[in-house]
N, C-alpha and C. Protein backbone atom coordinates (compact mmCIF):
# COMPACT_ATOMS: atom_id res chain seq x y z
N MET A 1 146.28 213.76 206.24
CA MET A 1 146.97 214.15 207.47
C MET A 1 146.75 213.09 208.53
N VAL A 2 147.82 212.74 209.24
CA VAL A 2 147.73 211.79 210.34
C VAL A 2 147.61 212.58 211.63
N ASP A 3 146.52 212.40 212.33
CA ASP A 3 146.29 213.14 213.56
C ASP A 3 146.90 212.42 214.74
N ILE A 4 147.55 213.17 215.59
CA ILE A 4 148.09 212.63 216.83
C ILE A 4 147.09 212.92 217.94
N PRO A 5 146.59 211.90 218.63
CA PRO A 5 145.65 212.16 219.72
C PRO A 5 146.27 213.07 220.75
N THR A 6 145.52 214.03 221.21
CA THR A 6 146.00 214.94 222.25
C THR A 6 145.23 214.70 223.52
N SER A 7 145.64 215.39 224.53
CA SER A 7 144.97 215.22 225.83
C SER A 7 143.61 215.89 225.86
N GLY A 8 143.35 216.75 224.86
CA GLY A 8 142.09 217.48 224.87
C GLY A 8 142.01 218.53 225.96
N ARG A 9 143.17 218.87 226.50
CA ARG A 9 143.20 219.81 227.62
C ARG A 9 142.85 221.21 227.16
N LYS A 10 142.04 221.89 227.89
CA LYS A 10 141.64 223.27 227.60
C LYS A 10 142.15 224.18 228.71
N PRO A 11 142.16 225.47 228.47
CA PRO A 11 142.56 226.37 229.55
C PRO A 11 141.79 226.07 230.83
N ARG A 12 142.49 226.16 231.94
CA ARG A 12 141.91 225.75 233.22
C ARG A 12 140.92 226.77 233.78
N ILE A 13 140.95 227.98 233.25
CA ILE A 13 140.11 229.02 233.83
C ILE A 13 139.41 229.81 232.74
N ARG A 14 138.37 230.47 233.09
CA ARG A 14 137.70 231.42 232.22
C ARG A 14 137.85 232.79 232.87
N HIS A 15 138.38 233.72 232.15
CA HIS A 15 138.62 235.02 232.75
C HIS A 15 138.53 236.10 231.70
N ARG A 16 138.44 237.30 232.14
CA ARG A 16 138.42 238.42 231.22
C ARG A 16 139.82 238.66 230.66
N GLY A 17 139.85 239.26 229.49
CA GLY A 17 141.14 239.54 228.88
C GLY A 17 141.51 238.45 227.88
N PRO A 18 142.61 238.64 227.18
CA PRO A 18 143.01 237.69 226.14
C PRO A 18 143.38 236.33 226.72
N ASP A 19 143.10 235.29 225.95
CA ASP A 19 143.43 233.93 226.37
C ASP A 19 144.95 233.73 226.30
N LYS A 20 145.53 233.29 227.38
CA LYS A 20 146.98 233.12 227.44
C LYS A 20 147.45 231.74 226.96
N TYR A 21 146.52 230.87 226.66
CA TYR A 21 146.88 229.49 226.31
C TYR A 21 147.83 229.41 225.12
N PRO A 22 147.51 230.05 223.97
CA PRO A 22 148.44 229.99 222.83
C PRO A 22 149.80 230.59 223.15
N LEU A 23 149.80 231.69 223.89
CA LEU A 23 151.05 232.34 224.26
C LEU A 23 151.92 231.42 225.10
N ILE A 24 151.31 230.75 226.06
CA ILE A 24 152.06 229.85 226.92
C ILE A 24 152.68 228.71 226.11
N LEU A 25 151.88 228.12 225.22
CA LEU A 25 152.40 227.02 224.41
C LEU A 25 153.53 227.47 223.50
N LYS A 26 153.36 228.61 222.87
CA LYS A 26 154.40 229.13 221.97
C LYS A 26 155.69 229.40 222.74
N THR A 27 155.56 229.99 223.92
CA THR A 27 156.74 230.30 224.72
C THR A 27 157.42 229.03 225.20
N ALA A 28 156.64 228.09 225.69
CA ALA A 28 157.20 226.83 226.19
C ALA A 28 157.91 226.07 225.07
N ARG A 29 157.29 226.06 223.90
CA ARG A 29 157.91 225.36 222.77
C ARG A 29 159.25 226.00 222.41
N HIS A 30 159.30 227.32 222.40
CA HIS A 30 160.55 228.01 222.08
C HIS A 30 161.64 227.67 223.09
N LEU A 31 161.29 227.65 224.36
CA LEU A 31 162.28 227.36 225.39
C LEU A 31 162.75 225.91 225.33
N VAL A 32 161.83 224.99 225.04
CA VAL A 32 162.24 223.59 224.88
C VAL A 32 163.17 223.43 223.69
N ALA A 33 162.86 224.13 222.60
CA ALA A 33 163.70 224.06 221.41
C ALA A 33 165.09 224.62 221.66
N THR A 34 165.23 225.44 222.69
CA THR A 34 166.52 226.04 223.02
C THR A 34 167.25 225.26 224.11
N HIS A 35 166.51 224.76 225.09
CA HIS A 35 167.14 224.16 226.27
C HIS A 35 166.78 222.70 226.50
N GLY A 36 165.73 222.20 225.88
CA GLY A 36 165.27 220.85 226.18
C GLY A 36 164.24 220.84 227.28
N PHE A 37 163.61 219.69 227.48
CA PHE A 37 162.55 219.57 228.49
C PHE A 37 163.08 219.77 229.90
N ARG A 38 164.17 219.11 230.21
CA ARG A 38 164.63 219.04 231.60
C ARG A 38 165.00 220.41 232.15
N ASP A 39 165.65 221.24 231.35
CA ASP A 39 166.18 222.50 231.86
C ASP A 39 165.19 223.66 231.80
N VAL A 40 164.00 223.43 231.27
CA VAL A 40 162.99 224.48 231.21
C VAL A 40 162.15 224.44 232.49
N GLN A 41 162.11 225.55 233.20
CA GLN A 41 161.33 225.62 234.43
C GLN A 41 160.08 226.48 234.22
N MET A 42 159.07 226.20 235.01
CA MET A 42 157.82 226.94 234.89
C MET A 42 158.04 228.43 235.12
N SER A 43 158.92 228.78 236.04
CA SER A 43 159.18 230.19 236.31
C SER A 43 159.77 230.89 235.09
N ALA A 44 160.63 230.17 234.35
CA ALA A 44 161.24 230.75 233.15
C ALA A 44 160.19 230.92 232.06
N ILE A 45 159.26 229.99 231.95
CA ILE A 45 158.20 230.09 230.96
C ILE A 45 157.31 231.29 231.26
N ALA A 46 156.93 231.45 232.52
CA ALA A 46 156.08 232.57 232.91
C ALA A 46 156.78 233.90 232.63
N GLU A 47 158.06 233.97 232.97
CA GLU A 47 158.80 235.21 232.75
C GLU A 47 158.90 235.53 231.25
N ALA A 48 159.24 234.51 230.43
CA ALA A 48 159.38 234.73 229.00
C ALA A 48 158.05 235.10 228.35
N ALA A 49 156.96 234.56 228.89
CA ALA A 49 155.64 234.86 228.34
C ALA A 49 155.08 236.18 228.86
N GLY A 50 155.72 236.73 229.89
CA GLY A 50 155.25 237.99 230.45
C GLY A 50 153.98 237.85 231.26
N ILE A 51 153.83 236.70 231.92
CA ILE A 51 152.64 236.48 232.75
C ILE A 51 153.07 236.09 234.16
N ALA A 52 152.15 236.18 235.09
CA ALA A 52 152.44 235.79 236.46
C ALA A 52 152.51 234.27 236.56
N ILE A 53 153.36 233.78 237.46
CA ILE A 53 153.49 232.34 237.62
C ILE A 53 152.17 231.71 238.04
N GLY A 54 151.38 232.44 238.82
CA GLY A 54 150.08 231.92 239.22
C GLY A 54 149.16 231.73 238.04
N THR A 55 149.22 232.64 237.07
CA THR A 55 148.42 232.50 235.86
C THR A 55 148.82 231.26 235.10
N LEU A 56 150.13 231.02 234.99
CA LEU A 56 150.61 229.82 234.28
C LEU A 56 150.09 228.56 234.94
N TYR A 57 150.12 228.52 236.27
CA TYR A 57 149.68 227.32 236.97
C TYR A 57 148.16 227.14 236.91
N ARG A 58 147.42 228.20 236.65
CA ARG A 58 145.98 228.03 236.48
C ARG A 58 145.67 227.35 235.14
N TYR A 59 146.51 227.57 234.17
CA TYR A 59 146.35 226.90 232.88
C TYR A 59 146.92 225.48 232.92
N PHE A 60 148.09 225.35 233.53
CA PHE A 60 148.77 224.06 233.59
C PHE A 60 149.24 223.84 235.03
N PRO A 61 148.53 223.01 235.79
CA PRO A 61 148.85 222.81 237.20
C PRO A 61 150.24 222.22 237.45
N ALA A 62 150.82 221.57 236.42
CA ALA A 62 152.15 220.97 236.58
C ALA A 62 152.94 221.11 235.29
N LYS A 63 154.24 221.12 235.42
CA LYS A 63 155.10 221.22 234.24
C LYS A 63 154.84 220.07 233.27
N THR A 64 154.59 218.88 233.82
CA THR A 64 154.33 217.72 232.96
C THR A 64 153.15 217.97 232.04
N ASP A 65 152.08 218.58 232.57
CA ASP A 65 150.91 218.88 231.75
C ASP A 65 151.28 219.76 230.56
N LEU A 66 152.10 220.75 230.81
CA LEU A 66 152.51 221.67 229.75
C LEU A 66 153.42 220.98 228.74
N MET A 67 154.34 220.16 229.20
CA MET A 67 155.26 219.49 228.29
C MET A 67 154.53 218.48 227.40
N ILE A 68 153.48 217.86 227.91
CA ILE A 68 152.67 216.96 227.08
C ILE A 68 152.04 217.73 225.93
N GLU A 69 151.56 218.93 226.21
CA GLU A 69 150.95 219.76 225.17
C GLU A 69 152.00 220.23 224.16
N VAL A 70 153.19 220.54 224.64
CA VAL A 70 154.27 220.94 223.73
C VAL A 70 154.61 219.80 222.77
N VAL A 71 154.70 218.58 223.30
CA VAL A 71 154.97 217.42 222.45
C VAL A 71 153.87 217.25 221.41
N ALA A 72 152.62 217.33 221.84
CA ALA A 72 151.50 217.13 220.92
C ALA A 72 151.51 218.17 219.80
N LEU A 73 151.72 219.42 220.17
CA LEU A 73 151.72 220.51 219.18
C LEU A 73 152.87 220.35 218.19
N THR A 74 154.06 220.12 218.70
CA THR A 74 155.24 220.03 217.84
C THR A 74 155.20 218.78 216.98
N ALA A 75 154.82 217.68 217.57
CA ALA A 75 154.77 216.42 216.83
C ALA A 75 153.76 216.48 215.69
N GLN A 76 152.60 217.08 215.94
CA GLN A 76 151.59 217.17 214.88
C GLN A 76 152.11 217.97 213.70
N ARG A 77 152.83 219.04 213.98
CA ARG A 77 153.40 219.83 212.89
C ARG A 77 154.37 219.00 212.07
N GLU A 78 155.24 218.25 212.74
CA GLU A 78 156.23 217.44 212.03
C GLU A 78 155.56 216.34 211.21
N VAL A 79 154.58 215.68 211.79
CA VAL A 79 153.88 214.62 211.08
C VAL A 79 153.15 215.18 209.86
N ASP A 80 152.54 216.35 209.99
CA ASP A 80 151.83 216.96 208.87
C ASP A 80 152.78 217.24 207.71
N VAL A 81 153.99 217.72 208.02
CA VAL A 81 154.96 218.01 206.95
C VAL A 81 155.38 216.72 206.26
N VAL A 82 155.70 215.69 207.02
CA VAL A 82 156.12 214.42 206.44
C VAL A 82 154.98 213.79 205.63
N ALA A 83 153.76 213.88 206.15
CA ALA A 83 152.60 213.32 205.44
C ALA A 83 152.38 214.04 204.12
N GLY A 84 152.62 215.35 204.09
CA GLY A 84 152.47 216.10 202.85
C GLY A 84 153.43 215.60 201.79
N VAL A 85 154.65 215.29 202.18
CA VAL A 85 155.63 214.73 201.23
C VAL A 85 155.20 213.34 200.79
N ALA A 86 154.68 212.55 201.72
CA ALA A 86 154.26 211.19 201.40
C ALA A 86 153.14 211.16 200.36
N MET A 87 152.35 212.21 200.29
CA MET A 87 151.22 212.25 199.35
C MET A 87 151.58 212.92 198.04
N SER A 88 152.85 213.26 197.85
CA SER A 88 153.26 213.93 196.62
C SER A 88 153.38 212.93 195.46
N GLU A 89 153.77 213.42 194.30
CA GLU A 89 153.93 212.57 193.13
C GLU A 89 155.20 211.72 193.25
N GLY A 90 155.22 210.61 192.52
CA GLY A 90 156.42 209.78 192.48
C GLY A 90 156.14 208.34 192.83
N THR A 91 157.14 207.49 192.65
CA THR A 91 157.01 206.09 193.01
C THR A 91 156.97 205.96 194.52
N ALA A 92 156.60 204.78 194.98
CA ALA A 92 156.56 204.55 196.42
C ALA A 92 157.95 204.71 197.03
N ALA A 93 158.97 204.20 196.35
CA ALA A 93 160.34 204.31 196.85
C ALA A 93 160.78 205.76 196.92
N GLU A 94 160.44 206.53 195.89
CA GLU A 94 160.81 207.95 195.89
C GLU A 94 160.13 208.69 197.03
N ARG A 95 158.85 208.41 197.23
CA ARG A 95 158.11 209.12 198.28
C ARG A 95 158.54 208.66 199.67
N LEU A 96 158.86 207.38 199.80
CA LEU A 96 159.32 206.87 201.10
C LEU A 96 160.66 207.50 201.46
N GLY A 97 161.56 207.56 200.49
CA GLY A 97 162.84 208.18 200.74
C GLY A 97 162.70 209.66 201.05
N ALA A 98 161.87 210.35 200.28
CA ALA A 98 161.68 211.79 200.48
C ALA A 98 161.03 212.09 201.83
N ALA A 99 160.07 211.26 202.24
CA ALA A 99 159.40 211.47 203.52
C ALA A 99 160.38 211.25 204.67
N ALA A 100 161.18 210.19 204.58
CA ALA A 100 162.17 209.91 205.63
C ALA A 100 163.23 211.02 205.67
N TRP A 101 163.63 211.50 204.49
CA TRP A 101 164.62 212.56 204.44
C TRP A 101 164.06 213.86 205.02
N THR A 102 162.81 214.14 204.76
CA THR A 102 162.19 215.34 205.32
C THR A 102 162.25 215.31 206.83
N PHE A 103 161.91 214.16 207.41
CA PHE A 103 162.00 214.04 208.87
C PHE A 103 163.43 214.25 209.35
N ALA A 104 164.38 213.55 208.72
CA ALA A 104 165.78 213.61 209.16
C ALA A 104 166.35 215.02 208.99
N ASN A 105 166.09 215.64 207.86
CA ASN A 105 166.64 216.96 207.57
C ASN A 105 166.10 218.00 208.55
N ARG A 106 164.79 217.94 208.82
CA ARG A 106 164.21 218.88 209.78
C ARG A 106 164.76 218.64 211.18
N ALA A 107 164.99 217.38 211.52
CA ALA A 107 165.55 217.06 212.83
C ALA A 107 166.97 217.62 212.96
N LEU A 108 167.77 217.49 211.92
CA LEU A 108 169.14 217.98 211.98
C LEU A 108 169.20 219.50 212.00
N ARG A 109 168.20 220.16 211.40
CA ARG A 109 168.17 221.62 211.41
C ARG A 109 167.63 222.18 212.72
N GLY A 110 166.88 221.37 213.45
CA GLY A 110 166.36 221.79 214.75
C GLY A 110 166.70 220.75 215.79
N ARG A 111 168.01 220.54 215.98
CA ARG A 111 168.47 219.38 216.75
C ARG A 111 168.00 219.38 218.20
N ARG A 112 167.96 220.53 218.85
CA ARG A 112 167.61 220.52 220.28
C ARG A 112 166.18 220.06 220.48
N MET A 113 165.26 220.57 219.68
CA MET A 113 163.87 220.13 219.80
C MET A 113 163.72 218.67 219.36
N ALA A 114 164.41 218.30 218.28
CA ALA A 114 164.31 216.92 217.81
C ALA A 114 164.82 215.94 218.86
N HIS A 115 165.93 216.29 219.50
CA HIS A 115 166.46 215.43 220.56
C HIS A 115 165.46 215.31 221.71
N ALA A 116 164.81 216.43 222.03
CA ALA A 116 163.80 216.39 223.09
C ALA A 116 162.64 215.46 222.71
N LEU A 117 162.25 215.48 221.44
CA LEU A 117 161.13 214.66 220.99
C LEU A 117 161.51 213.19 220.81
N VAL A 118 162.79 212.92 220.67
CA VAL A 118 163.23 211.57 220.34
C VAL A 118 163.89 210.85 221.50
N ALA A 119 164.80 211.52 222.21
CA ALA A 119 165.68 210.77 223.09
C ALA A 119 165.87 211.32 224.49
N GLU A 120 165.51 212.56 224.77
CA GLU A 120 165.78 213.13 226.09
C GLU A 120 164.99 212.39 227.17
N PRO A 121 165.64 212.03 228.29
CA PRO A 121 164.91 211.39 229.39
C PRO A 121 163.78 212.30 229.89
N VAL A 122 162.58 211.73 229.99
CA VAL A 122 161.42 212.52 230.40
C VAL A 122 160.55 211.69 231.34
N GLU A 123 159.54 212.36 231.92
CA GLU A 123 158.60 211.67 232.78
C GLU A 123 157.76 210.68 231.95
N PRO A 124 157.23 209.63 232.60
CA PRO A 124 156.45 208.63 231.87
C PRO A 124 155.29 209.22 231.08
N GLU A 125 154.63 210.25 231.63
CA GLU A 125 153.50 210.85 230.93
C GLU A 125 153.94 211.54 229.64
N VAL A 126 155.09 212.18 229.67
CA VAL A 126 155.62 212.83 228.47
C VAL A 126 156.09 211.77 227.48
N GLU A 127 156.69 210.70 227.98
CA GLU A 127 157.12 209.61 227.11
C GLU A 127 155.92 208.99 226.39
N ALA A 128 154.80 208.88 227.07
CA ALA A 128 153.59 208.35 226.43
C ALA A 128 153.14 209.25 225.29
N ALA A 129 153.28 210.56 225.48
CA ALA A 129 152.93 211.50 224.40
C ALA A 129 153.89 211.35 223.23
N ARG A 130 155.16 211.13 223.52
CA ARG A 130 156.14 210.94 222.45
C ARG A 130 155.86 209.65 221.69
N LEU A 131 155.37 208.63 222.38
CA LEU A 131 155.06 207.37 221.71
C LEU A 131 153.97 207.56 220.67
N LYS A 132 153.01 208.45 220.95
CA LYS A 132 151.98 208.75 219.96
C LYS A 132 152.60 209.37 218.71
N TYR A 133 153.63 210.17 218.90
CA TYR A 133 154.37 210.77 217.79
C TYR A 133 155.02 209.66 216.95
N HIS A 134 155.68 208.72 217.60
CA HIS A 134 156.31 207.61 216.90
C HIS A 134 155.28 206.87 216.05
N ARG A 135 154.13 206.58 216.65
CA ARG A 135 153.10 205.81 215.95
C ARG A 135 152.52 206.58 214.78
N ALA A 136 152.36 207.88 214.94
CA ALA A 136 151.82 208.69 213.85
C ALA A 136 152.77 208.71 212.67
N LEU A 137 154.06 208.84 212.93
CA LEU A 137 155.04 208.78 211.85
C LEU A 137 155.03 207.42 211.17
N ALA A 138 154.93 206.37 211.97
CA ALA A 138 154.90 205.03 211.41
C ALA A 138 153.69 204.86 210.49
N ARG A 139 152.56 205.46 210.84
CA ARG A 139 151.37 205.34 209.98
C ARG A 139 151.60 206.01 208.63
N VAL A 140 152.35 207.11 208.61
CA VAL A 140 152.67 207.75 207.34
C VAL A 140 153.49 206.80 206.47
N PHE A 141 154.51 206.18 207.05
CA PHE A 141 155.34 205.25 206.29
C PHE A 141 154.55 204.01 205.88
N MET A 142 153.66 203.55 206.74
CA MET A 142 152.82 202.40 206.40
C MET A 142 152.01 202.65 205.14
N THR A 143 151.45 203.85 205.03
CA THR A 143 150.64 204.19 203.86
C THR A 143 151.44 204.05 202.58
N ILE A 144 152.67 204.57 202.57
CA ILE A 144 153.51 204.49 201.37
C ILE A 144 153.88 203.04 201.07
N ILE A 145 154.26 202.30 202.09
CA ILE A 145 154.67 200.91 201.88
C ILE A 145 153.50 200.07 201.36
N GLU A 146 152.32 200.28 201.92
CA GLU A 146 151.13 199.56 201.45
C GLU A 146 150.90 199.83 199.97
N GLN A 147 151.04 201.08 199.56
CA GLN A 147 150.86 201.43 198.16
C GLN A 147 151.91 200.75 197.29
N GLY A 148 153.14 200.69 197.78
CA GLY A 148 154.21 200.04 197.03
C GLY A 148 154.00 198.54 196.90
N VAL A 149 153.48 197.92 197.94
CA VAL A 149 153.20 196.49 197.89
C VAL A 149 152.06 196.20 196.90
N ARG A 150 151.01 197.02 196.96
CA ARG A 150 149.86 196.82 196.06
C ARG A 150 150.25 196.99 194.59
N SER A 151 151.15 197.91 194.32
CA SER A 151 151.56 198.16 192.93
C SER A 151 152.62 197.17 192.45
N GLY A 152 153.15 196.36 193.35
CA GLY A 152 154.19 195.41 192.99
C GLY A 152 155.59 195.99 193.05
N GLU A 153 155.70 197.24 193.46
CA GLU A 153 157.02 197.87 193.55
C GLU A 153 157.81 197.29 194.72
N PHE A 154 157.12 196.99 195.82
CA PHE A 154 157.75 196.38 196.98
C PHE A 154 157.25 194.94 197.11
N PRO A 155 158.06 194.04 197.65
CA PRO A 155 157.61 192.67 197.88
C PRO A 155 156.62 192.60 199.04
N GLU A 156 155.90 191.49 199.13
CA GLU A 156 155.00 191.27 200.25
C GLU A 156 155.80 191.30 201.55
N GLN A 157 155.24 191.92 202.56
CA GLN A 157 155.93 192.06 203.83
C GLN A 157 154.95 192.52 204.89
N SER A 158 155.39 192.48 206.14
CA SER A 158 154.59 193.06 207.21
C SER A 158 154.75 194.57 207.14
N VAL A 159 153.73 195.24 206.64
CA VAL A 159 153.81 196.68 206.44
C VAL A 159 154.03 197.40 207.76
N ARG A 160 153.33 196.96 208.77
CA ARG A 160 153.47 197.60 210.08
C ARG A 160 154.88 197.43 210.62
N ALA A 161 155.42 196.23 210.53
CA ALA A 161 156.77 195.99 211.04
C ALA A 161 157.79 196.81 210.28
N SER A 162 157.62 196.89 208.96
CA SER A 162 158.57 197.67 208.15
C SER A 162 158.53 199.14 208.53
N ALA A 163 157.31 199.67 208.71
CA ALA A 163 157.17 201.08 209.08
C ALA A 163 157.77 201.33 210.47
N ASP A 164 157.53 200.43 211.40
CA ASP A 164 158.10 200.58 212.74
C ASP A 164 159.63 200.55 212.69
N CYS A 165 160.18 199.70 211.82
CA CYS A 165 161.63 199.61 211.70
C CYS A 165 162.21 200.91 211.14
N ILE A 166 161.51 201.53 210.19
CA ILE A 166 161.99 202.79 209.64
C ILE A 166 162.02 203.87 210.71
N VAL A 167 160.95 203.97 211.49
CA VAL A 167 160.92 204.95 212.57
C VAL A 167 162.03 204.66 213.57
N GLY A 168 162.20 203.38 213.91
CA GLY A 168 163.25 203.01 214.85
C GLY A 168 164.63 203.36 214.33
N CYS A 169 164.87 203.09 213.04
CA CYS A 169 166.17 203.41 212.45
C CYS A 169 166.42 204.92 212.48
N LEU A 170 165.40 205.69 212.13
CA LEU A 170 165.56 207.14 212.11
C LEU A 170 165.80 207.68 213.51
N PHE A 171 164.98 207.26 214.45
CA PHE A 171 165.09 207.78 215.81
C PHE A 171 166.41 207.37 216.45
N GLU A 172 166.72 206.08 216.42
CA GLU A 172 167.93 205.61 217.08
C GLU A 172 169.18 206.04 216.31
N GLY A 173 169.10 206.01 214.98
CA GLY A 173 170.26 206.37 214.18
C GLY A 173 170.64 207.83 214.28
N LEU A 174 169.67 208.68 214.60
CA LEU A 174 169.94 210.11 214.67
C LEU A 174 170.22 210.60 216.09
N VAL A 175 170.15 209.71 217.07
CA VAL A 175 170.34 210.15 218.46
C VAL A 175 171.70 210.82 218.65
N SER A 176 172.76 210.18 218.19
CA SER A 176 174.10 210.76 218.37
C SER A 176 174.27 212.07 217.62
N PRO A 177 173.90 212.15 216.33
CA PRO A 177 174.01 213.44 215.64
C PRO A 177 173.19 214.54 216.31
N LEU A 178 172.02 214.20 216.82
CA LEU A 178 171.17 215.22 217.44
C LEU A 178 171.77 215.72 218.75
N ALA A 179 172.61 214.91 219.36
CA ALA A 179 173.20 215.28 220.64
C ALA A 179 174.52 216.03 220.49
N THR A 180 175.00 216.18 219.24
CA THR A 180 176.28 216.86 219.04
C THR A 180 176.09 218.35 218.89
N ASP A 181 177.19 219.08 218.91
CA ASP A 181 177.17 220.53 218.73
C ASP A 181 177.60 220.93 217.32
N ALA A 182 177.67 219.95 216.41
CA ALA A 182 178.09 220.26 215.05
C ALA A 182 177.06 221.17 214.38
N VAL A 183 177.52 221.95 213.40
CA VAL A 183 176.60 222.82 212.68
C VAL A 183 175.64 221.98 211.86
N SER A 184 174.45 222.52 211.60
CA SER A 184 173.41 221.74 210.95
C SER A 184 173.75 221.34 209.54
N ASP A 185 174.63 222.09 208.84
CA ASP A 185 174.97 221.75 207.47
C ASP A 185 176.29 220.97 207.38
N ASP A 186 176.73 220.38 208.48
CA ASP A 186 177.91 219.53 208.47
C ASP A 186 177.68 218.38 207.50
N PRO A 187 178.51 218.22 206.47
CA PRO A 187 178.29 217.16 205.48
C PRO A 187 178.23 215.76 206.07
N SER A 188 178.97 215.52 207.15
CA SER A 188 178.97 214.18 207.74
C SER A 188 177.61 213.83 208.33
N LEU A 189 176.88 214.82 208.82
CA LEU A 189 175.54 214.56 209.35
C LEU A 189 174.59 214.19 208.22
N THR A 190 174.69 214.91 207.12
CA THR A 190 173.85 214.59 205.96
C THR A 190 174.17 213.19 205.44
N GLU A 191 175.44 212.88 205.34
CA GLU A 191 175.84 211.55 204.86
C GLU A 191 175.31 210.45 205.78
N HIS A 192 175.34 210.71 207.07
CA HIS A 192 174.85 209.73 208.03
C HIS A 192 173.35 209.51 207.85
N ALA A 193 172.60 210.59 207.70
CA ALA A 193 171.15 210.47 207.51
C ALA A 193 170.82 209.76 206.21
N VAL A 194 171.55 210.08 205.14
CA VAL A 194 171.33 209.44 203.85
C VAL A 194 171.60 207.94 203.94
N ALA A 195 172.65 207.57 204.67
CA ALA A 195 172.97 206.15 204.83
C ALA A 195 171.85 205.41 205.56
N ILE A 196 171.28 206.04 206.57
CA ILE A 196 170.16 205.42 207.30
C ILE A 196 168.97 205.21 206.37
N ILE A 197 168.64 206.23 205.60
CA ILE A 197 167.48 206.14 204.71
C ILE A 197 167.72 205.10 203.62
N SER A 198 168.94 205.05 203.08
CA SER A 198 169.25 204.04 202.06
C SER A 198 169.11 202.64 202.63
N PHE A 199 169.54 202.46 203.86
CA PHE A 199 169.39 201.17 204.54
C PHE A 199 167.91 200.78 204.64
N CYS A 200 167.08 201.75 205.01
CA CYS A 200 165.64 201.49 205.13
C CYS A 200 165.02 201.13 203.77
N LEU A 201 165.41 201.85 202.74
CA LEU A 201 164.88 201.57 201.40
C LEU A 201 165.26 200.18 200.92
N ARG A 202 166.48 199.79 201.19
CA ARG A 202 166.89 198.44 200.79
C ARG A 202 166.11 197.38 201.54
N GLY A 203 165.84 197.65 202.81
CA GLY A 203 165.08 196.68 203.59
C GLY A 203 163.66 196.52 203.10
N VAL A 204 163.02 197.63 202.76
CA VAL A 204 161.62 197.58 202.30
C VAL A 204 161.51 197.03 200.89
N SER A 205 162.43 197.43 200.02
CA SER A 205 162.34 197.04 198.61
C SER A 205 162.92 195.66 198.32
N GLY A 206 163.80 195.19 199.20
CA GLY A 206 164.46 193.92 198.94
C GLY A 206 165.49 194.02 197.83
N GLY A 207 165.87 195.23 197.48
CA GLY A 207 166.82 195.44 196.39
C GLY A 207 167.91 196.42 196.78
N PRO A 208 168.74 196.80 195.82
CA PRO A 208 169.91 197.65 196.10
C PRO A 208 169.61 199.15 196.03
N LEU A 209 168.43 199.56 196.45
CA LEU A 209 168.08 200.97 196.35
C LEU A 209 168.96 201.80 197.28
N SER A 210 169.24 203.01 196.87
CA SER A 210 169.91 203.97 197.73
C SER A 210 169.21 205.30 197.57
N PHE A 211 169.39 206.17 198.54
CA PHE A 211 168.68 207.46 198.53
C PHE A 211 169.64 208.58 198.20
N VAL A 212 169.20 209.47 197.34
CA VAL A 212 169.97 210.67 196.99
C VAL A 212 169.07 211.89 197.22
N PRO A 213 169.40 212.75 198.18
CA PRO A 213 168.55 213.92 198.45
C PRO A 213 168.45 214.81 197.21
N GLN A 214 167.25 215.35 196.99
CA GLN A 214 167.04 216.30 195.90
C GLN A 214 167.43 217.69 196.37
N SER A 215 168.09 218.44 195.54
CA SER A 215 168.51 219.79 195.91
C SER A 215 167.32 220.73 195.90
């Protein structure tokens, strides 16, 4: 598992009764997945969580603080899923394609949250948290590429640069699909994602590899 560094932030207060921290994060994540970072207000989070606005601000003095935690929580989940695929059986090319497809497929199925994590304009502090997500994903791809180079399946190359390029291709290549209102199972979206992954595989392998999603 690739860990994404978090802020280490803990609840701001100690009080009697159940801890509201998990509830706040769950509620905020749900609202971001529905509306994005920009349109989610602290008052809406407090109302949806069933807590007083003052209680919310005691845990998170500013919206930015809460959004950083939402990014960290969501990104870690996504990285863990992709890392699990990366450690499965198969050749390096098979695992690299499957890991990239897992990221793309999950992004297309949860486009609003994926767009928030990838492309939505945010405050610098939230952008810094998103950058940690980018780097964590790149480390997953680096591991597969390193294994492919060692086994002779992939040619010698800058593993870090190749992994960064894959993340860049996925993030930038999916920005437009993530911003559309098309249904998640639109065949053109799948074809677009497959083309991006095939491009990445050809770049890493130096050959005519293409990716075919497994049913």
